Structures are given as structure tokens and as C-alpha cells.
Amino acid sequence: MGQGGFNMPAQQAPAPVGEKQHYNVYTFLLVIAFVAMVIACVVLHQELMLFGETNWWNTGGIRPSIPAPVSALPSSTPIAFLG
């Protein structure tokens, strides 16, 4: 038995010089995630084109509405206190 009752795993020898390392499951998960992101971007672009060719980031003429300050609320507005 190893130290503290735990079996120590055998260490793998490094790959010989000139030989490529084999792909593991994480490499394939990375490829699948990349393909999914590309497909999602293409589908999003197609969805936006359903609404016409518009410059979605040109917000020069649009102004946000400013909410009323708290002091402008009527005094009959109930205020809940946590006790």
C-alpha cells in the first residue's frame, strides 16, 4: 500500500520525440462547442435578417425615458418595512 492507505497511480511515460500525442475527450468537447457556437451565430444572423436590413447599433435618435424621482411619488404610496 502507498502512503496513508492510498494507491498512487502509475505515471505515464512521456511520448517519444517526434510522435504526436493522442486526442482526448476534452479536445472533442472543445470542437463540438466551437461548432455549436458557429451554428448559433449563423442562426442568430438569420433570425435578425427576418426583421430586415437595419443598423441595430445606431441609436443616435433614440433617448431613454427618465423615471420620476422618488420624491415625486404621492405620499399615499405604501412603503413596506422589513422588521
C-alpha atoms as a PDB file:
ATOM      1  CA  MET A   1       0.000   0.000   0.000  1.00  0.00           C
ATOM      2  CA  GLY A   2       1.057   3.563  -0.581  1.00  0.00           C
ATOM      3  CA  GLN A   3       1.211   6.393   1.914  1.00  0.00           C
ATOM      4  CA  GLY A   4      -1.875   6.775   4.086  1.00  0.00           C
ATOM      5  CA  GLY A   5      -3.573   3.741   2.533  1.00  0.00           C
ATOM      6  CA  PHE A   6      -3.953   5.357  -0.904  1.00  0.00           C
ATOM      7  CA  ASN A   7      -2.655   3.656  -4.008  1.00  0.00           C
ATOM      8  CA  MET A   8      -0.548   6.009  -6.081  1.00  0.00           C
ATOM      9  CA  PRO A   9      -1.335   5.866  -9.811  1.00  0.00           C
ATOM     10  CA  ALA A  10       1.444   4.830 -12.145  1.00  0.00           C
ATOM     11  CA  GLN A  11       2.936   7.741 -14.032  1.00  0.00           C
ATOM     12  CA  GLN A  12       2.758   7.615 -17.805  1.00  0.00           C
ATOM     13  CA  ALA A  13       5.971   7.869 -19.737  1.00  0.00           C
ATOM     14  CA  PRO A  14       6.146  10.976 -21.948  1.00  0.00           C
ATOM     15  CA  ALA A  15       5.543  10.486 -25.658  1.00  0.00           C
ATOM     16  CA  PRO A  16       8.726   9.842 -27.598  1.00  0.00           C
ATOM     17  CA  VAL A  17      10.145  12.785 -29.530  1.00  0.00           C
ATOM     18  CA  GLY A  18       8.545  13.075 -32.962  1.00  0.00           C
ATOM     19  CA  GLU A  19       5.357  11.185 -32.058  1.00  0.00           C
ATOM     20  CA  LYS A  20       2.120  13.186 -31.763  1.00  0.00           C
ATOM     21  CA  GLN A  21       0.066  12.949 -28.608  1.00  0.00           C
ATOM     22  CA  HIS A  22      -3.336  11.345 -28.959  1.00  0.00           C
ATOM     23  CA  TYR A  23      -6.513  13.435 -28.749  1.00  0.00           C
ATOM     24  CA  ASN A  24      -8.534  13.087 -25.581  1.00  0.00           C
ATOM     25  CA  VAL A  25     -12.215  13.618 -24.794  1.00  0.00           C
ATOM     26  CA  TYR A  26     -11.692  17.300 -23.915  1.00  0.00           C
ATOM     27  CA  THR A  27     -10.369  18.034 -27.390  1.00  0.00           C
ATOM     28  CA  PHE A  28     -13.536  16.633 -28.916  1.00  0.00           C
ATOM     29  CA  LEU A  29     -15.700  18.576 -26.453  1.00  0.00           C
ATOM     30  CA  LEU A  30     -13.876  21.752 -27.478  1.00  0.00           C
ATOM     31  CA  VAL A  31     -14.520  21.049 -31.158  1.00  0.00           C
ATOM     32  CA  ILE A  32     -18.204  20.321 -30.504  1.00  0.00           C
ATOM     33  CA  ALA A  33     -18.569  23.566 -28.506  1.00  0.00           C
ATOM     34  CA  PHE A  34     -16.913  25.567 -31.292  1.00  0.00           C
ATOM     35  CA  VAL A  35     -19.213  24.085 -33.939  1.00  0.00           C
ATOM     36  CA  ALA A  36     -22.260  24.803 -31.740  1.00  0.00           C
ATOM     37  CA  MET A  37     -21.184  28.448 -31.314  1.00  0.00           C
ATOM     38  CA  VAL A  38     -20.733  28.893 -35.074  1.00  0.00           C
ATOM     39  CA  ILE A  39     -24.166  27.373 -35.749  1.00  0.00           C
ATOM     40  CA  ALA A  40     -25.725  29.620 -33.074  1.00  0.00           C
ATOM     41  CA  CYS A  41     -24.189  32.731 -34.654  1.00  0.00           C
ATOM     42  CA  VAL A  42     -25.463  31.781 -38.112  1.00  0.00           C
ATOM     43  CA  VAL A  43     -28.970  31.092 -36.777  1.00  0.00           C
ATOM     44  CA  LEU A  44     -28.985  34.401 -34.861  1.00  0.00           C
ATOM     45  CA  HIS A  45     -27.944  36.262 -38.005  1.00  0.00           C
ATOM     46  CA  GLN A  46     -30.742  34.600 -39.982  1.00  0.00           C
ATOM     47  CA  GLU A  47     -33.238  35.494 -37.240  1.00  0.00           C
ATOM     48  CA  LEU A  48     -32.170  39.154 -37.330  1.00  0.00           C
ATOM     49  CA  MET A  49     -32.499  39.221 -41.124  1.00  0.00           C
ATOM     50  CA  LEU A  50     -36.179  38.267 -40.758  1.00  0.00           C
ATOM     51  CA  PHE A  51     -36.736  41.792 -39.429  1.00  0.00           C
ATOM     52  CA  GLY A  52     -34.984  43.492 -42.333  1.00  0.00           C
ATOM     53  CA  GLU A  53     -31.643  45.104 -43.008  1.00  0.00           C
ATOM     54  CA  THR A  54     -31.365  47.557 -40.117  1.00  0.00           C
ATOM     55  CA  ASN A  55     -28.399  49.079 -38.371  1.00  0.00           C
ATOM     56  CA  TRP A  56     -29.229  47.703 -34.929  1.00  0.00           C
ATOM     57  CA  TRP A  57     -26.428  49.585 -33.172  1.00  0.00           C
ATOM     58  CA  ASN A  58     -27.309  53.060 -34.497  1.00  0.00           C
ATOM     59  CA  THR A  59     -29.205  54.544 -31.554  1.00  0.00           C
ATOM     60  CA  GLY A  60     -28.449  58.201 -32.265  1.00  0.00           C
ATOM     61  CA  GLY A  61     -32.078  59.411 -32.427  1.00  0.00           C
ATOM     62  CA  ILE A  62     -33.413  57.382 -29.514  1.00  0.00           C
ATOM     63  CA  ARG A  63     -33.486  58.811 -25.999  1.00  0.00           C
ATOM     64  CA  PRO A  64     -34.371  56.774 -22.927  1.00  0.00           C
ATOM     65  CA  SER A  65     -37.283  57.862 -20.778  1.00  0.00           C
ATOM     66  CA  ILE A  66     -36.197  59.086 -17.360  1.00  0.00           C
ATOM     67  CA  PRO A  67     -38.261  57.698 -14.462  1.00  0.00           C
ATOM     68  CA  ALA A  68     -39.772  60.093 -11.947  1.00  0.00           C
ATOM     69  CA  PRO A  69     -37.655  60.693  -8.836  1.00  0.00           C
ATOM     70  CA  VAL A  70     -38.781  59.048  -5.607  1.00  0.00           C
ATOM     71  CA  SER A  71     -39.711  62.418  -4.073  1.00  0.00           C
ATOM     72  CA  ALA A  72     -42.322  62.914  -6.837  1.00  0.00           C
ATOM     73  CA  LEU A  73     -44.327  59.860  -5.751  1.00  0.00           C
ATOM     74  CA  PRO A  74     -47.614  60.536  -3.960  1.00  0.00           C
ATOM     75  CA  SER A  75     -47.426  60.316  -0.183  1.00  0.00           C
ATOM     76  CA  SER A  76     -50.126  57.623  -0.110  1.00  0.00           C
ATOM     77  CA  THR A  77     -47.740  55.104  -1.680  1.00  0.00           C
ATOM     78  CA  PRO A  78     -47.289  52.259   0.850  1.00  0.00           C
ATOM     79  CA  ILE A  79     -43.749  51.572   1.924  1.00  0.00           C
ATOM     80  CA  ALA A  80     -43.008  48.110   3.290  1.00  0.00           C
ATOM     81  CA  PHE A  81     -40.529  47.800   6.111  1.00  0.00           C
ATOM     82  CA  LEU A  82     -38.779  44.570   6.905  1.00  0.00           C
ATOM     83  CA  GLY A  83     -38.867  44.011  10.625  1.00  0.00           C
END
